[in-house]
Amino acid sequence: MKHMLSTLILLLCCFVIYPTITVLAQGTVLADTGFRPQQHGFSFANYGNETNPVNLTPQTMQKVFGDTVCKAIQAGACVLTASSQAWMTQRNEEMEGGHCEGMAALSKL
């Protein structure tokens, strides 16, 4: 469970911006998974950090990776180690472009 949760967090932290591709309905469909965004997709659009969402926090890091990411616990709150803080900051900065890759992966679960 811990590995699966870690994998999901990593997927959520990753982002890739793909250009919009226009596909014209021509030819024969060779494969169809049955996935339809309107029916099976999320009920909200992809979002970046422009709306100041809450991304990863020390509390989230502690829930996912355990107390090993904390150099101390003060008043019940995790104080991240330097490397954990750097990792969290980098992932949060990467999410500025959007949360689309994690959303795409989760939509198929």
PDB file of N, CA and C in Angstrom:
ATOM      1  N   MET A   1       0.829  -1.192   0.000  1.00  0.00           N
ATOM      2  CA  MET A   1       0.000   0.000   0.000  1.00  0.00           C
ATOM      3  C   MET A   1       0.871   1.251   0.000  1.00  0.00           C
ATOM      4  N   LYS A   2       1.939   1.237   0.804  1.00  0.00           N
ATOM      5  CA  LYS A   2       2.825   2.394   0.889  1.00  0.00           C
ATOM      6  C   LYS A   2       3.500   2.641  -0.457  1.00  0.00           C
ATOM      7  N   HIS A   3       3.917   1.555  -1.130  1.00  0.00           N
ATOM      8  CA  HIS A   3       4.556   1.678  -2.442  1.00  0.00           C
ATOM      9  C   HIS A   3       3.569   2.227  -3.468  1.00  0.00           C
ATOM     10  N   MET A   4       2.332   1.734  -3.432  1.00  0.00           N
ATOM     11  CA  MET A   4       1.320   2.194  -4.371  1.00  0.00           C
ATOM     12  C   MET A   4       1.019   3.670  -4.153  1.00  0.00           C
ATOM     13  N   LEU A   5       0.911   4.079  -2.892  1.00  0.00           N
ATOM     14  CA  LEU A   5       0.647   5.476  -2.575  1.00  0.00           C
ATOM     15  C   LEU A   5       1.812   6.351  -3.012  1.00  0.00           C
ATOM     16  N   SER A   6       3.025   5.874  -2.813  1.00  0.00           N
ATOM     17  CA  SER A   6       4.210   6.622  -3.256  1.00  0.00           C
ATOM     18  C   SER A   6       4.205   6.779  -4.772  1.00  0.00           C
ATOM     19  N   THR A   7       3.846   5.717  -5.462  1.00  0.00           N
ATOM     20  CA  THR A   7       3.786   5.766  -6.919  1.00  0.00           C
ATOM     21  C   THR A   7       2.741   6.764  -7.387  1.00  0.00           C
ATOM     22  N   LEU A   8       1.578   6.762  -6.742  1.00  0.00           N
ATOM     23  CA  LEU A   8       0.533   7.710  -7.107  1.00  0.00           C
ATOM     24  C   LEU A   8       0.979   9.147  -6.879  1.00  0.00           C
ATOM     25  N   ILE A   9       1.650   9.387  -5.764  1.00  0.00           N
ATOM     26  CA  ILE A   9       2.140  10.741  -5.485  1.00  0.00           C
ATOM     27  C   ILE A   9       3.148  11.154  -6.543  1.00  0.00           C
ATOM     28  N   LEU A  10       4.045  10.242  -6.898  1.00  0.00           N
ATOM     29  CA  LEU A  10       5.032  10.567  -7.932  1.00  0.00           C
ATOM     30  C   LEU A  10       4.354  10.856  -9.262  1.00  0.00           C
ATOM     31  N   LEU A  11       3.329  10.090  -9.596  1.00  0.00           N
ATOM     32  CA  LEU A  11       2.597  10.353 -10.828  1.00  0.00           C
ATOM     33  C   LEU A  11       1.909  11.703 -10.781  1.00  0.00           C
ATOM     34  N   LEU A  12       1.344  12.025  -9.637  1.00  0.00           N
ATOM     35  CA  LEU A  12       0.688  13.317  -9.490  1.00  0.00           C
ATOM     36  C   LEU A  12       1.678  14.463  -9.584  1.00  0.00           C
ATOM     37  N   CYS A  13       2.892  14.206  -9.145  1.00  0.00           N
ATOM     38  CA  CYS A  13       3.905  15.253  -9.149  1.00  0.00           C
ATOM     39  C   CYS A  13       4.499  15.489 -10.527  1.00  0.00           C
ATOM     40  N   CYS A  14       4.391  14.524 -11.383  1.00  0.00           N
ATOM     41  CA  CYS A  14       4.973  14.663 -12.717  1.00  0.00           C
ATOM     42  C   CYS A  14       4.020  15.451 -13.607  1.00  0.00           C
ATOM     43  N   PHE A  15       4.575  16.183 -14.533  1.00  0.00           N
ATOM     44  CA  PHE A  15       3.721  16.865 -15.486  1.00  0.00           C
ATOM     45  C   PHE A  15       4.400  16.917 -16.838  1.00  0.00           C
ATOM     46  N   VAL A  16       3.572  16.905 -17.843  1.00  0.00           N
ATOM     47  CA  VAL A  16       4.054  17.067 -19.205  1.00  0.00           C
ATOM     48  C   VAL A  16       2.987  17.866 -19.937  1.00  0.00           C
ATOM     49  N   ILE A  17       3.395  18.889 -20.623  1.00  0.00           N
ATOM     50  CA  ILE A  17       2.440  19.684 -21.389  1.00  0.00           C
ATOM     51  C   ILE A  17       2.533  19.229 -22.840  1.00  0.00           C
ATOM     52  N   TYR A  18       1.458  18.719 -23.347  1.00  0.00           N
ATOM     53  CA  TYR A  18       1.411  18.259 -24.723  1.00  0.00           C
ATOM     54  C   TYR A  18       0.659  19.279 -25.565  1.00  0.00           C
ATOM     55  N   PRO A  19       1.110  19.515 -26.790  1.00  0.00           N
ATOM     56  CA  PRO A  19       0.371  20.436 -27.656  1.00  0.00           C
ATOM     57  C   PRO A  19      -0.961  19.812 -28.049  1.00  0.00           C
ATOM     58  N   THR A  20      -1.923  20.649 -28.327  1.00  0.00           N
ATOM     59  CA  THR A  20      -3.224  20.166 -28.766  1.00  0.00           C
ATOM     60  C   THR A  20      -3.083  19.585 -30.167  1.00  0.00           C
ATOM     61  N   ILE A  21      -3.629  18.412 -30.351  1.00  0.00           N
ATOM     62  CA  ILE A  21      -3.560  17.739 -31.644  1.00  0.00           C
ATOM     63  C   ILE A  21      -4.983  17.586 -32.163  1.00  0.00           C
ATOM     64  N   THR A  22      -5.206  18.039 -33.373  1.00  0.00           N
ATOM     65  CA  THR A  22      -6.508  17.884 -33.986  1.00  0.00           C
ATOM     66  C   THR A  22      -6.504  16.586 -34.780  1.00  0.00           C
ATOM     67  N   VAL A  23      -7.457  15.727 -34.486  1.00  0.00           N
ATOM     68  CA  VAL A  23      -7.559  14.446 -35.176  1.00  0.00           C
ATOM     69  C   VAL A  23      -8.856  14.451 -35.968  1.00  0.00           C
ATOM     70  N   LEU A  24      -8.741  14.197 -37.234  1.00  0.00           N
ATOM     71  CA  LEU A  24      -9.918  14.122 -38.079  1.00  0.00           C
ATOM     72  C   LEU A  24     -10.416  12.684 -38.101  1.00  0.00           C
ATOM     73  N   ALA A  25     -11.720  12.518 -38.034  1.00  0.00           N
ATOM     74  CA  ALA A  25     -12.322  11.187 -37.996  1.00  0.00           C
ATOM     75  C   ALA A  25     -12.240  10.537 -39.374  1.00  0.00           C
ATOM     76  N   GLN A  26     -11.128   9.879 -39.627  1.00  0.00           N
ATOM     77  CA  GLN A  26     -10.931   9.176 -40.889  1.00  0.00           C
ATOM     78  C   GLN A  26     -10.290   7.831 -40.591  1.00  0.00           C
ATOM     79  N   GLY A  27     -10.495   6.896 -41.449  1.00  0.00           N
ATOM     80  CA  GLY A  27      -9.843   5.608 -41.299  1.00  0.00           C
ATOM     81  C   GLY A  27     -10.613   4.667 -40.389  1.00  0.00           C
ATOM     82  N   THR A  28      -9.986   3.546 -40.089  1.00  0.00           N
ATOM     83  CA  THR A  28     -10.583   2.506 -39.269  1.00  0.00           C
ATOM     84  C   THR A  28      -9.967   2.530 -37.882  1.00  0.00           C
ATOM     85  N   VAL A  29     -10.810   2.448 -36.870  1.00  0.00           N
ATOM     86  CA  VAL A  29     -10.322   2.388 -35.495  1.00  0.00           C
ATOM     87  C   VAL A  29      -9.741   0.999 -35.269  1.00  0.00           C
ATOM     88  N   LEU A  30      -8.482   0.954 -34.854  1.00  0.00           N
ATOM     89  CA  LEU A  30      -7.815  -0.326 -34.645  1.00  0.00           C
ATOM     90  C   LEU A  30      -7.901  -0.802 -33.202  1.00  0.00           C
ATOM     91  N   ALA A  31      -8.027   0.137 -32.282  1.00  0.00           N
ATOM     92  CA  ALA A  31      -8.107  -0.222 -30.863  1.00  0.00           C
ATOM     93  C   ALA A  31      -8.970   0.805 -30.150  1.00  0.00           C
ATOM     94  N   ASP A  32      -9.762   0.349 -29.222  1.00  0.00           N
ATOM     95  CA  ASP A  32     -10.625   1.246 -28.456  1.00  0.00           C
ATOM     96  C   ASP A  32     -10.742   0.694 -27.046  1.00  0.00           C
ATOM     97  N   THR A  33     -10.253   1.449 -26.073  1.00  0.00           N
ATOM     98  CA  THR A  33     -10.320   1.003 -24.677  1.00  0.00           C
ATOM     99  C   THR A  33     -11.696   1.227 -24.068  1.00  0.00           C
ATOM    100  N   GLY A  34     -12.528   2.004 -24.771  1.00  0.00           N
ATOM    101  CA  GLY A  34     -13.845   2.304 -24.231  1.00  0.00           C
ATOM    102  C   GLY A  34     -13.860   3.543 -23.351  1.00  0.00           C
ATOM    103  N   PHE A  35     -12.694   4.118 -23.117  1.00  0.00           N
ATOM    104  CA  PHE A  35     -12.614   5.310 -22.270  1.00  0.00           C
ATOM    105  C   PHE A  35     -13.175   6.512 -23.013  1.00  0.00           C
ATOM    106  N   ARG A  36     -14.118   7.196 -22.385  1.00  0.00           N
ATOM    107  CA  ARG A  36     -14.701   8.412 -22.931  1.00  0.00           C
ATOM    108  C   ARG A  36     -14.561   9.498 -21.867  1.00  0.00           C
ATOM    109  N   PRO A  37     -13.832  10.575 -22.176  1.00  0.00           N
ATOM    110  CA  PRO A  37     -13.584  11.620 -21.176  1.00  0.00           C
ATOM    111  C   PRO A  37     -14.853  12.166 -20.525  1.00  0.00           C
ATOM    112  N   GLN A  38     -15.895  12.386 -21.299  1.00  0.00           N
ATOM    113  CA  GLN A  38     -17.128  12.937 -20.721  1.00  0.00           C
ATOM    114  C   GLN A  38     -17.742  11.986 -19.690  1.00  0.00           C
ATOM    115  N   GLN A  39     -17.651  10.710 -19.951  1.00  0.00           N
ATOM    116  CA  GLN A  39     -18.261   9.706 -19.074  1.00  0.00           C
ATOM    117  C   GLN A  39     -17.307   9.219 -17.993  1.00  0.00           C
ATOM    118  N   HIS A  40     -16.044   8.994 -18.333  1.00  0.00           N
ATOM    119  CA  HIS A  40     -15.103   8.353 -17.424  1.00  0.00           C
ATOM    120  C   HIS A  40     -14.060   9.295 -16.844  1.00  0.00           C
ATOM    121  N   GLY A  41     -13.960  10.505 -17.369  1.00  0.00           N
ATOM    122  CA  GLY A  41     -12.925  11.443 -16.930  1.00  0.00           C
ATOM    123  C   GLY A  41     -13.290  12.144 -15.628  1.00  0.00           C
ATOM    124  N   PHE A  42     -12.375  12.976 -15.170  1.00  0.00           N
ATOM    125  CA  PHE A  42     -12.631  13.767 -13.976  1.00  0.00           C
ATOM    126  C   PHE A  42     -13.682  14.828 -14.276  1.00  0.00           C
ATOM    127  N   SER A  43     -14.370  15.285 -13.249  1.00  0.00           N
ATOM    128  CA  SER A  43     -15.410  16.298 -13.423  1.00  0.00           C
ATOM    129  C   SER A  43     -14.836  17.706 -13.371  1.00  0.00           C
ATOM    130  N   PHE A  44     -13.512  17.833 -13.341  1.00  0.00           N
ATOM    131  CA  PHE A  44     -12.867  19.149 -13.300  1.00  0.00           C
ATOM    132  C   PHE A  44     -11.707  19.153 -14.288  1.00  0.00           C
ATOM    133  N   ALA A  45     -11.327  20.338 -14.700  1.00  0.00           N
ATOM    134  CA  ALA A  45     -10.254  20.483 -15.685  1.00  0.00           C
ATOM    135  C   ALA A  45      -8.885  20.396 -15.025  1.00  0.00           C
ATOM    136  N   ASN A  46      -7.874  20.162 -15.842  1.00  0.00           N
ATOM    137  CA  ASN A  46      -6.494  20.229 -15.372  1.00  0.00           C
ATOM    138  C   ASN A  46      -6.244  21.627 -14.809  1.00  0.00           C
ATOM    139  N   TYR A  47      -5.367  21.718 -13.849  1.00  0.00           N
ATOM    140  CA  TYR A  47      -5.070  23.022 -13.256  1.00  0.00           C
ATOM    141  C   TYR A  47      -3.590  23.102 -12.928  1.00  0.00           C
ATOM    142  N   GLY A  48      -3.071  24.304 -12.971  1.00  0.00           N
ATOM    143  CA  GLY A  48      -1.685  24.564 -12.589  1.00  0.00           C
ATOM    144  C   GLY A  48      -1.667  25.242 -11.234  1.00  0.00           C
ATOM    145  N   ASN A  49      -0.613  25.954 -10.948  1.00  0.00           N
ATOM    146  CA  ASN A  49      -0.489  26.614  -9.646  1.00  0.00           C
ATOM    147  C   ASN A  49      -1.006  28.046  -9.646  1.00  0.00           C
ATOM    148  N   GLU A  50      -1.591  28.507 -10.768  1.00  0.00           N
ATOM    149  CA  GLU A  50      -2.057  29.887 -10.837  1.00  0.00           C
ATOM    150  C   GLU A  50      -3.182  30.194  -9.848  1.00  0.00           C
ATOM    151  N   THR A  51      -3.894  29.173  -9.392  1.00  0.00           N
ATOM    152  CA  THR A  51      -4.967  29.386  -8.414  1.00  0.00           C
ATOM    153  C   THR A  51      -4.503  29.115  -6.986  1.00  0.00           C
ATOM    154  N   ASN A  52      -3.191  28.931  -6.814  1.00  0.00           N
ATOM    155  CA  ASN A  52      -2.591  28.653  -5.500  1.00  0.00           C
ATOM    156  C   ASN A  52      -3.199  27.436  -4.805  1.00  0.00           C
ATOM    157  N   PRO A  53      -3.239  26.284  -5.488  1.00  0.00           N
ATOM    158  CA  PRO A  53      -3.774  25.086  -4.834  1.00  0.00           C
ATOM    159  C   PRO A  53      -2.797  24.583  -3.770  1.00  0.00           C
ATOM    160  N   VAL A  54      -3.291  23.755  -2.882  1.00  0.00           N
ATOM    161  CA  VAL A  54      -2.411  23.109  -1.904  1.00  0.00           C
ATOM    162  C   VAL A  54      -1.847  21.872  -2.584  1.00  0.00           C
ATOM    163  N   ASN A  55      -0.555  21.866  -2.810  1.00  0.00           N
ATOM    164  CA  ASN A  55       0.102  20.712  -3.409  1.00  0.00           C
ATOM    165  C   ASN A  55       0.671  19.859  -2.279  1.00  0.00           C
ATOM    166  N   LEU A  56       1.905  19.443  -2.392  1.00  0.00           N
ATOM    167  CA  LEU A  56       2.531  18.658  -1.326  1.00  0.00           C
ATOM    168  C   LEU A  56       2.849  19.552  -0.137  1.00  0.00           C
ATOM    169  N   THR A  57       2.630  19.025   1.046  1.00  0.00           N
ATOM    170  CA  THR A  57       2.939  19.722   2.297  1.00  0.00           C
ATOM    171  C   THR A  57       3.789  18.782   3.151  1.00  0.00           C
ATOM    172  N   PRO A  58       4.430  19.294   4.197  1.00  0.00           N
ATOM    173  CA  PRO A  58       5.164  18.395   5.091  1.00  0.00           C
ATOM    174  C   PRO A  58       4.270  17.277   5.648  1.00  0.00           C
ATOM    175  N   GLN A  59       3.019  17.601   5.943  1.00  0.00           N
ATOM    176  CA  GLN A  59       2.091  16.589   6.464  1.00  0.00           C
ATOM    177  C   GLN A  59       1.848  15.498   5.417  1.00  0.00           C
ATOM    178  N   THR A  60       1.662  15.895   4.159  1.00  0.00           N
ATOM    179  CA  THR A  60       1.472  14.918   3.088  1.00  0.00           C
ATOM    180  C   THR A  60       2.710  14.052   2.927  1.00  0.00           C
ATOM    181  N   MET A  61       3.867  14.693   2.942  1.00  0.00           N
ATOM    182  CA  MET A  61       5.130  13.952   2.820  1.00  0.00           C
ATOM    183  C   MET A  61       5.250  12.910   3.930  1.00  0.00           C
ATOM    184  N   GLN A  62       4.890  13.287   5.146  1.00  0.00           N
ATOM    185  CA  GLN A  62       4.968  12.373   6.287  1.00  0.00           C
ATOM    186  C   GLN A  62       3.983  11.215   6.116  1.00  0.00           C
ATOM    187  N   LYS A  63       2.776  11.504   5.627  1.00  0.00           N
ATOM    188  CA  LYS A  63       1.785  10.445   5.414  1.00  0.00           C
ATOM    189  C   LYS A  63       2.258   9.444   4.361  1.00  0.00           C
ATOM    190  N   VAL A  64       2.878   9.948   3.311  1.00  0.00           N
ATOM    191  CA  VAL A  64       3.302   9.082   2.211  1.00  0.00           C
ATOM    192  C   VAL A  64       4.574   8.313   2.543  1.00  0.00           C
ATOM    193  N   PHE A  65       5.579   9.006   3.082  1.00  0.00           N
ATOM    194  CA  PHE A  65       6.900   8.406   3.270  1.00  0.00           C
ATOM    195  C   PHE A  65       7.223   8.038   4.715  1.00  0.00           C
ATOM    196  N   GLY A  66       6.375   8.424   5.653  1.00  0.00           N
ATOM    197  CA  GLY A  66       6.625   8.106   7.056  1.00  0.00           C
ATOM    198  C   GLY A  66       7.500   9.149   7.738  1.00  0.00           C
ATOM    199  N   ASP A  67       7.808   8.891   9.003  1.00  0.00           N
ATOM    200  CA  ASP A  67       8.569   9.839   9.814  1.00  0.00           C
ATOM    201  C   ASP A  67      10.011  10.018   9.354  1.00  0.00           C
ATOM    202  N   THR A  68      10.480   9.181   8.442  1.00  0.00           N
ATOM    203  CA  THR A  68      11.871   9.302   7.986  1.00  0.00           C
ATOM    204  C   THR A  68      12.130  10.611   7.249  1.00  0.00           C
ATOM    205  N   VAL A  69      11.082  11.259   6.741  1.00  0.00           N
ATOM    206  CA  VAL A  69      11.270  12.541   6.054  1.00  0.00           C
ATOM    207  C   VAL A  69      11.360  13.708   7.032  1.00  0.00           C
ATOM    208  N   CYS A  70      11.080  13.433   8.300  1.00  0.00           N
ATOM    209  CA  CYS A  70      11.077  14.488   9.319  1.00  0.00           C
ATOM    210  C   CYS A  70      12.400  14.498  10.082  1.00  0.00           C
ATOM    211  N   LYS A  71      13.010  15.672  10.177  1.00  0.00           N
ATOM    212  CA  LYS A  71      14.191  15.763  11.041  1.00  0.00           C
ATOM    213  C   LYS A  71      13.745  15.951  12.482  1.00  0.00           C
ATOM    214  N   ALA A  72      12.520  16.444  12.662  1.00  0.00           N
ATOM    215  CA  ALA A  72      11.933  16.611  13.996  1.00  0.00           C
ATOM    216  C   ALA A  72      10.423  16.703  13.844  1.00  0.00           C
ATOM    217  N   ILE A  73       9.738  16.424  14.935  1.00  0.00           N
ATOM    218  CA  ILE A  73       8.297  16.636  14.991  1.00  0.00           C
ATOM    219  C   ILE A  73       8.068  17.612  16.130  1.00  0.00           C
ATOM    220  N   GLN A  74       7.630  18.813  15.776  1.00  0.00           N
ATOM    221  CA  GLN A  74       7.438  19.877  16.756  1.00  0.00           C
ATOM    222  C   GLN A  74       5.962  20.222  16.836  1.00  0.00           C
ATOM    223  N   ALA A  75       5.419  20.141  18.035  1.00  0.00           N
ATOM    224  CA  ALA A  75       3.995  20.416  18.269  1.00  0.00           C
ATOM    225  C   ALA A  75       3.124  19.581  17.327  1.00  0.00           C
ATOM    226  N   GLY A  76       3.533  18.343  17.101  1.00  0.00           N
ATOM    227  CA  GLY A  76       2.776  17.426  16.263  1.00  0.00           C
ATOM    228  C   GLY A  76       2.969  17.624  14.769  1.00  0.00           C
ATOM    229  N   ALA A  77       3.812  18.590  14.379  1.00  0.00           N
ATOM    230  CA  ALA A  77       4.025  18.873  12.957  1.00  0.00           C
ATOM    231  C   ALA A  77       5.408  18.406  12.520  1.00  0.00           C
ATOM    232  N   CYS A  78       5.473  17.830  11.344  1.00  0.00           N
ATOM    233  CA  CYS A  78       6.730  17.344  10.770  1.00  0.00           C
ATOM    234  C   CYS A  78       7.560  18.518  10.266  1.00  0.00           C
ATOM    235  N   VAL A  79       8.806  18.561  10.701  1.00  0.00           N
ATOM    236  CA  VAL A  79       9.781  19.509  10.159  1.00  0.00           C
ATOM    237  C   VAL A  79      10.663  18.680   9.231  1.00  0.00           C
ATOM    238  N   LEU A  80      10.565  18.949   7.940  1.00  0.00           N
ATOM    239  CA  LEU A  80      11.244  18.117   6.945  1.00  0.00           C
ATOM    240  C   LEU A  80      12.762  18.230   7.014  1.00  0.00           C
ATOM    241  N   THR A  81      13.422  17.123   6.667  1.00  0.00           N
ATOM    242  CA  THR A  81      14.875  17.161   6.499  1.00  0.00           C
ATOM    243  C   THR A  81      15.166  18.042   5.279  1.00  0.00           C
ATOM    244  N   ALA A  82      16.401  18.476   5.131  1.00  0.00           N
ATOM    245  CA  ALA A  82      16.760  19.346   4.006  1.00  0.00           C
ATOM    246  C   ALA A  82      16.491  18.666   2.668  1.00  0.00           C
ATOM    247  N   SER A  83      16.848  17.396   2.560  1.00  0.00           N
ATOM    248  CA  SER A  83      16.639  16.699   1.285  1.00  0.00           C
ATOM    249  C   SER A  83      15.150  16.479   1.006  1.00  0.00           C
ATOM    250  N   SER A  84      14.376  16.194   2.036  1.00  0.00           N
ATOM    251  CA  SER A  84      12.930  16.022   1.856  1.00  0.00           C
ATOM    252  C   SER A  84      12.284  17.340   1.452  1.00  0.00           C
ATOM    253  N   GLN A  85      12.717  18.425   2.073  1.00  0.00           N
ATOM    254  CA  GLN A  85      12.194  19.752   1.733  1.00  0.00           C
ATOM    255  C   GLN A  85      12.534  20.104   0.284  1.00  0.00           C
ATOM    256  N   ALA A  86      13.766  19.821  -0.126  1.00  0.00           N
ATOM    257  CA  ALA A  86      14.186  20.114  -1.500  1.00  0.00           C
ATOM    258  C   ALA A  86      13.371  19.300  -2.501  1.00  0.00           C
ATOM    259  N   TRP A  87      13.153  18.026  -2.207  1.00  0.00           N
ATOM    260  CA  TRP A  87      12.376  17.159  -3.092  1.00  0.00           C
ATOM    261  C   TRP A  87      10.945  17.672  -3.210  1.00  0.00           C
ATOM    262  N   MET A  88      10.330  18.008  -2.063  1.00  0.00           N
ATOM    263  CA  MET A  88       8.958  18.501  -2.060  1.00  0.00           C
ATOM    264  C   MET A  88       8.852  19.811  -2.841  1.00  0.00           C
ATOM    265  N   THR A  89       9.790  20.713  -2.626  1.00  0.00           N
ATOM    266  CA  THR A  89       9.781  21.997  -3.325  1.00  0.00           C
ATOM    267  C   THR A  89       9.896  21.794  -4.830  1.00  0.00           C
ATOM    268  N   GLN A  90      10.775  20.901  -5.244  1.00  0.00           N
ATOM    269  CA  GLN A  90      10.949  20.631  -6.675  1.00  0.00           C
ATOM    270  C   GLN A  90       9.673  20.058  -7.282  1.00  0.00           C
ATOM    271  N   ARG A  91       9.050  19.104  -6.611  1.00  0.00           N
ATOM    272  CA  ARG A  91       7.807  18.522  -7.130  1.00  0.00           C
ATOM    273  C   ARG A  91       6.712  19.587  -7.217  1.00  0.00           C
ATOM    274  N   ASN A  92       6.600  20.431  -6.204  1.00  0.00           N
ATOM    275  CA  ASN A  92       5.580  21.480  -6.226  1.00  0.00           C
ATOM    276  C   ASN A  92       5.824  22.456  -7.376  1.00  0.00           C
ATOM    277  N   GLU A  93       7.083  22.791  -7.632  1.00  0.00           N
ATOM    278  CA  GLU A  93       7.403  23.685  -8.751  1.00  0.00           C
ATOM    279  C   GLU A  93       7.072  23.030 -10.083  1.00  0.00           C
ATOM    280  N   GLU A  94       7.287  21.732 -10.184  1.00  0.00           N
ATOM    281  CA  GLU A  94       6.976  21.011 -11.418  1.00  0.00           C
ATOM    282  C   GLU A  94       5.482  21.000 -11.712  1.00  0.00           C
ATOM    283  N   MET A  95       4.671  21.099 -10.681  1.00  0.00           N
ATOM    284  CA  MET A  95       3.225  21.082 -10.872  1.00  0.00           C
ATOM    285  C   MET A  95       2.677  22.422 -11.346  1.00  0.00           C
ATOM    286  N   GLU A  96       3.546  23.440 -11.495  1.00  0.00           N
ATOM    287  CA  GLU A  96       3.091  24.734 -11.987  1.00  0.00           C
ATOM    288  C   GLU A  96       2.469  24.614 -13.372  1.00  0.00           C
ATOM    289  N   GLY A  97       2.966  23.691 -14.176  1.00  0.00           N
ATOM    290  CA  GLY A  97       2.456  23.512 -15.531  1.00  0.00           C
ATOM    291  C   GLY A  97       1.150  22.743 -15.597  1.00  0.00           C
ATOM    292  N   GLY A  98       0.779  22.085 -14.537  1.00  0.00           N
ATOM    293  CA  GLY A  98      -0.466  21.330 -14.522  1.00  0.00           C
ATOM    294  C   GLY A  98      -0.303  19.997 -13.818  1.00  0.00           C
ATOM    295  N   HIS A  99      -1.421  19.397 -13.539  1.00  0.00           N
ATOM    296  CA  HIS A  99      -1.470  18.123 -12.824  1.00  0.00           C
ATOM    297  C   HIS A  99      -1.989  17.027 -13.747  1.00  0.00           C
ATOM    298  N   CYS A 100      -1.852  17.250 -15.057  1.00  0.00           N
ATOM    299  CA  CYS A 100      -2.512  16.404 -16.045  1.00  0.00           C
ATOM    300  C   CYS A 100      -2.004  14.967 -16.099  1.00  0.00           C
ATOM    301  N   GLU A 101      -0.714  14.737 -15.925  1.00  0.00           N
ATOM    302  CA  GLU A 101      -0.216  13.365 -16.059  1.00  0.00           C
ATOM    303  C   GLU A 101      -0.760  12.472 -14.944  1.00  0.00           C
ATOM    304  N   GLY A 102      -0.749  12.968 -13.736  1.00  0.00           N
ATOM    305  CA  GLY A 102      -1.308  12.202 -12.622  1.00  0.00           C
ATOM    306  C   GLY A 102      -2.793  11.966 -12.794  1.00  0.00           C
ATOM    307  N   MET A 103      -3.489  12.974 -13.289  1.00  0.00           N
ATOM    308  CA  MET A 103      -4.923  12.830 -13.524  1.00  0.00           C
ATOM    309  C   MET A 103      -5.184  11.785 -14.604  1.00  0.00           C
ATOM    310  N   ALA A 104      -4.372  11.783 -15.645  1.00  0.00           N
ATOM    311  CA  ALA A 104      -4.540  10.803 -16.723  1.00  0.00           C
ATOM    312  C   ALA A 104      -4.318   9.390 -16.197  1.00  0.00           C
ATOM    313  N   ALA A 105      -3.285   9.213 -15.386  1.00  0.00           N
ATOM    314  CA  ALA A 105      -2.998   7.885 -14.831  1.00  0.00           C
ATOM    315  C   ALA A 105      -4.114   7.434 -13.897  1.00  0.00           C
ATOM    316  N   LEU A 106      -4.572   8.329 -13.038  1.00  0.00           N
ATOM    317  CA  LEU A 106      -5.623   7.963 -12.087  1.00  0.00           C
ATOM    318  C   LEU A 106      -6.955   7.675 -12.767  1.00  0.00           C
ATOM    319  N   SER A 107      -7.220   8.315 -13.886  1.00  0.00           N
ATOM    320  CA  SER A 107      -8.507   8.113 -14.553  1.00  0.00           C
ATOM    321  C   SER A 107      -8.665   6.689 -15.079  1.00  0.00           C
ATOM    322  N   LYS A 108      -7.562   5.980 -15.238  1.00  0.00           N
ATOM    323  CA  LYS A 108      -7.620   4.608 -15.733  1.00  0.00           C
ATOM    324  C   LYS A 108      -7.653   3.563 -14.619  1.00  0.00           C
ATOM    325  N   LEU A 109      -7.556   3.994 -13.367  1.00  0.00           N
ATOM    326  CA  LEU A 109      -7.576   3.024 -12.262  1.00  0.00           C
ATOM    327  C   LEU A 109      -8.982   2.572 -11.954  1.00  0.00           C
TER     328      LEU A 109
END
